[in-house]
């Protein structure tokens, strides 16, 4: 499959966007009192609220990284095609 340069740049942008947004969301979830059994941040056992969101964040980062890498690879291929 050959992607256009525009699609490749879009995929790289999605990968970057993912790494800008999701870590900030992770900090917000960590600091949410619902994430901790005691209701105090960092104290007590983590709740299912924290675990579910941690799983969502990890999956999103993995997908975003994959999409970004595919975009980078597509950009490299398009440069090679232009050079030859």
N, C-alpha and C. Protein backbone atom coordinates (compact mmCIF):
# COMPACT_ATOMS: atom_id res chain seq x y z
N UNK A 1 0.85 -1.17 0.00
CA UNK A 1 0.00 0.00 0.00
C UNK A 1 0.89 1.23 0.00
N UNK A 2 0.51 2.20 -0.79
CA UNK A 2 1.26 3.46 -0.87
C UNK A 2 0.36 4.58 -0.36
N UNK A 3 0.87 5.31 0.61
CA UNK A 3 0.13 6.44 1.16
C UNK A 3 0.63 7.73 0.52
N UNK A 4 -0.27 8.68 0.35
CA UNK A 4 0.16 9.99 -0.14
C UNK A 4 0.94 10.70 0.96
N UNK A 5 1.67 11.69 0.55
CA UNK A 5 2.46 12.46 1.53
C UNK A 5 1.53 13.13 2.55
N UNK A 6 0.39 13.61 2.10
CA UNK A 6 -0.56 14.25 3.03
C UNK A 6 -1.05 13.28 4.10
N UNK A 7 -1.38 12.06 3.69
CA UNK A 7 -1.83 11.07 4.67
C UNK A 7 -0.69 10.72 5.63
N UNK A 8 0.52 10.64 5.11
CA UNK A 8 1.66 10.32 5.97
C UNK A 8 1.86 11.40 7.02
N UNK A 9 1.76 12.66 6.61
CA UNK A 9 1.90 13.77 7.56
C UNK A 9 0.76 13.75 8.58
N UNK A 10 -0.44 13.44 8.11
CA UNK A 10 -1.59 13.31 9.01
C UNK A 10 -1.33 12.25 10.08
N UNK A 11 -0.83 11.08 9.67
CA UNK A 11 -0.57 10.00 10.62
C UNK A 11 0.50 10.40 11.63
N UNK A 12 1.53 11.08 11.18
CA UNK A 12 2.56 11.56 12.11
C UNK A 12 1.94 12.54 13.10
N UNK A 13 1.08 13.43 12.60
CA UNK A 13 0.40 14.38 13.48
C UNK A 13 -0.46 13.70 14.52
N UNK A 14 -1.16 12.65 14.13
CA UNK A 14 -1.98 11.89 15.08
C UNK A 14 -1.09 11.27 16.16
N UNK A 15 0.05 10.72 15.75
CA UNK A 15 0.97 10.14 16.72
C UNK A 15 1.49 11.17 17.71
N UNK A 16 1.82 12.34 17.21
CA UNK A 16 2.31 13.43 18.09
C UNK A 16 1.18 13.89 19.02
N UNK A 17 0.00 14.09 18.45
CA UNK A 17 -1.16 14.51 19.24
C UNK A 17 -1.43 13.54 20.40
N UNK A 18 -1.34 12.26 20.10
CA UNK A 18 -1.56 11.24 21.11
C UNK A 18 -0.60 11.41 22.28
N UNK A 19 0.68 11.66 21.97
CA UNK A 19 1.68 11.79 23.03
C UNK A 19 1.61 13.13 23.75
N UNK A 20 0.92 14.10 23.17
CA UNK A 20 0.72 15.38 23.86
C UNK A 20 -0.47 15.29 24.82
N UNK A 21 -1.55 14.66 24.37
CA UNK A 21 -2.80 14.65 25.12
C UNK A 21 -2.85 13.60 26.23
N UNK A 22 -2.54 12.33 25.92
CA UNK A 22 -2.78 11.25 26.87
C UNK A 22 -1.93 11.31 28.14
N UNK A 23 -0.66 11.69 28.08
CA UNK A 23 0.06 11.81 29.37
C UNK A 23 -0.55 12.87 30.30
N UNK A 24 -1.06 13.96 29.73
CA UNK A 24 -1.71 14.97 30.55
C UNK A 24 -2.99 14.41 31.18
N UNK A 25 -3.71 13.60 30.42
CA UNK A 25 -4.91 12.96 30.95
C UNK A 25 -4.54 11.99 32.07
N UNK A 26 -3.43 11.29 31.91
CA UNK A 26 -2.98 10.35 32.93
C UNK A 26 -2.70 11.07 34.25
N UNK A 27 -2.10 12.23 34.18
CA UNK A 27 -1.84 13.02 35.40
C UNK A 27 -3.16 13.42 36.04
N UNK A 28 -4.13 13.82 35.23
CA UNK A 28 -5.44 14.21 35.77
C UNK A 28 -6.13 13.03 36.46
N UNK A 29 -6.04 11.87 35.86
CA UNK A 29 -6.65 10.68 36.47
C UNK A 29 -5.94 10.34 37.77
N UNK A 30 -4.62 10.39 37.78
CA UNK A 30 -3.84 10.08 38.98
C UNK A 30 -4.24 11.01 40.13
N UNK A 31 -4.50 12.27 39.83
CA UNK A 31 -4.82 13.26 40.86
C UNK A 31 -6.31 13.30 41.22
N UNK A 32 -7.11 12.48 40.59
CA UNK A 32 -8.53 12.43 40.88
C UNK A 32 -8.76 11.59 42.14
N UNK A 33 -9.48 12.10 43.11
CA UNK A 33 -9.73 11.34 44.34
C UNK A 33 -10.46 10.01 44.10
N UNK A 34 -11.23 9.91 43.01
CA UNK A 34 -11.94 8.66 42.70
C UNK A 34 -10.98 7.53 42.34
N UNK A 35 -9.73 7.87 42.06
CA UNK A 35 -8.74 6.86 41.68
C UNK A 35 -8.18 6.12 42.89
N UNK A 36 -8.48 6.59 44.08
CA UNK A 36 -7.89 6.02 45.29
C UNK A 36 -8.98 5.62 46.29
N UNK A 37 -8.82 4.48 46.91
CA UNK A 37 -9.82 3.95 47.84
C UNK A 37 -10.04 4.88 49.03
N UNK A 38 -8.98 5.56 49.45
CA UNK A 38 -9.12 6.44 50.61
C UNK A 38 -9.74 7.79 50.25
N UNK A 39 -9.81 8.10 48.96
CA UNK A 39 -10.31 9.41 48.53
C UNK A 39 -9.25 10.49 48.57
N UNK A 40 -8.04 10.12 49.00
CA UNK A 40 -6.91 11.05 49.03
C UNK A 40 -5.90 10.59 48.00
N UNK A 41 -5.43 11.54 47.21
CA UNK A 41 -4.52 11.21 46.10
C UNK A 41 -3.26 10.52 46.61
N UNK A 42 -2.99 9.37 46.03
CA UNK A 42 -1.78 8.62 46.34
C UNK A 42 -1.86 7.76 47.59
N UNK A 43 -2.98 7.81 48.27
CA UNK A 43 -3.12 7.03 49.51
C UNK A 43 -4.18 5.94 49.32
N UNK A 44 -3.91 4.79 49.88
CA UNK A 44 -4.86 3.68 49.76
C UNK A 44 -4.65 2.92 48.46
N UNK A 45 -5.47 1.93 48.25
CA UNK A 45 -5.36 1.09 47.06
C UNK A 45 -5.97 1.81 45.85
N UNK A 46 -5.39 1.56 44.68
CA UNK A 46 -6.00 2.13 43.47
C UNK A 46 -7.36 1.48 43.21
N UNK A 47 -8.29 2.26 42.70
CA UNK A 47 -9.64 1.76 42.43
C UNK A 47 -9.73 1.30 40.97
N UNK A 48 -10.85 0.69 40.65
CA UNK A 48 -11.08 0.27 39.26
C UNK A 48 -11.13 1.48 38.33
N UNK A 49 -11.53 2.63 38.84
CA UNK A 49 -11.51 3.87 38.06
C UNK A 49 -10.10 4.14 37.52
N UNK A 50 -9.11 4.01 38.37
CA UNK A 50 -7.72 4.22 37.96
C UNK A 50 -7.27 3.14 36.99
N UNK A 51 -7.56 1.88 37.28
CA UNK A 51 -7.10 0.79 36.43
C UNK A 51 -7.71 0.83 35.04
N UNK A 52 -9.00 1.12 34.96
CA UNK A 52 -9.65 1.19 33.64
C UNK A 52 -9.06 2.33 32.82
N UNK A 53 -8.88 3.47 33.45
CA UNK A 53 -8.31 4.60 32.71
C UNK A 53 -6.84 4.36 32.35
N UNK A 54 -6.11 3.70 33.22
CA UNK A 54 -4.72 3.37 32.89
C UNK A 54 -4.65 2.45 31.67
N UNK A 55 -5.56 1.50 31.60
CA UNK A 55 -5.62 0.60 30.45
C UNK A 55 -5.97 1.37 29.17
N UNK A 56 -6.95 2.25 29.26
CA UNK A 56 -7.32 3.07 28.10
C UNK A 56 -6.16 3.95 27.64
N UNK A 57 -5.46 4.54 28.57
CA UNK A 57 -4.33 5.40 28.24
C UNK A 57 -3.22 4.59 27.59
N UNK A 58 -2.90 3.43 28.16
CA UNK A 58 -1.84 2.58 27.59
C UNK A 58 -2.21 2.13 26.17
N UNK A 59 -3.45 1.73 25.96
CA UNK A 59 -3.88 1.29 24.63
C UNK A 59 -3.82 2.45 23.64
N UNK A 60 -4.26 3.62 24.05
CA UNK A 60 -4.22 4.78 23.16
C UNK A 60 -2.81 5.18 22.80
N UNK A 61 -1.91 5.12 23.76
CA UNK A 61 -0.51 5.44 23.48
C UNK A 61 0.11 4.41 22.53
N UNK A 62 -0.24 3.15 22.71
CA UNK A 62 0.29 2.12 21.82
C UNK A 62 -0.24 2.31 20.40
N UNK A 63 -1.53 2.57 20.27
CA UNK A 63 -2.11 2.79 18.94
C UNK A 63 -1.54 4.06 18.31
N UNK A 64 -1.45 5.12 19.08
CA UNK A 64 -0.90 6.38 18.57
C UNK A 64 0.55 6.24 18.13
N UNK A 65 1.32 5.48 18.89
CA UNK A 65 2.71 5.25 18.51
C UNK A 65 2.78 4.47 17.21
N UNK A 66 1.96 3.46 17.08
CA UNK A 66 1.94 2.65 15.86
C UNK A 66 1.56 3.51 14.65
N UNK A 67 0.54 4.32 14.80
CA UNK A 67 0.10 5.18 13.72
C UNK A 67 1.21 6.18 13.34
N UNK A 68 1.85 6.75 14.35
CA UNK A 68 2.94 7.69 14.08
C UNK A 68 4.11 7.03 13.36
N UNK A 69 4.47 5.84 13.78
CA UNK A 69 5.57 5.11 13.13
C UNK A 69 5.20 4.79 11.68
N UNK A 70 3.96 4.39 11.44
CA UNK A 70 3.53 4.13 10.06
C UNK A 70 3.62 5.41 9.22
N UNK A 71 3.25 6.52 9.80
CA UNK A 71 3.36 7.80 9.09
C UNK A 71 4.79 8.17 8.77
N UNK A 72 5.69 7.95 9.73
CA UNK A 72 7.11 8.24 9.49
C UNK A 72 7.65 7.34 8.39
N UNK A 73 7.31 6.07 8.45
CA UNK A 73 7.76 5.14 7.40
C UNK A 73 7.23 5.55 6.04
N UNK A 74 5.97 5.98 5.97
CA UNK A 74 5.39 6.43 4.70
C UNK A 74 6.10 7.68 4.19
N UNK A 75 6.45 8.59 5.09
CA UNK A 75 7.20 9.79 4.67
C UNK A 75 8.57 9.43 4.11
N UNK A 76 9.24 8.50 4.77
CA UNK A 76 10.56 8.08 4.29
C UNK A 76 10.46 7.43 2.90
N UNK A 77 9.44 6.64 2.69
CA UNK A 77 9.26 6.00 1.38
C UNK A 77 8.97 7.07 0.32
N UNK A 78 8.16 8.06 0.66
CA UNK A 78 7.83 9.09 -0.32
C UNK A 78 9.08 9.92 -0.67
N UNK A 79 9.96 10.13 0.28
CA UNK A 79 11.23 10.85 -0.01
C UNK A 79 12.10 10.03 -0.95
N UNK A 80 12.17 8.72 -0.70
CA UNK A 80 12.97 7.87 -1.58
C UNK A 80 12.42 7.85 -2.98
N UNK A 81 11.08 7.84 -3.11
CA UNK A 81 10.46 7.85 -4.44
C UNK A 81 10.74 9.15 -5.17
N UNK A 82 10.76 10.28 -4.45
CA UNK A 82 11.04 11.56 -5.07
C UNK A 82 12.49 11.68 -5.49
N UNK A 83 13.39 11.06 -4.72
CA UNK A 83 14.83 11.13 -5.02
C UNK A 83 15.19 10.31 -6.26
N UNK A 84 14.43 9.27 -6.55
CA UNK A 84 14.80 8.43 -7.70
C UNK A 84 14.02 8.77 -8.95
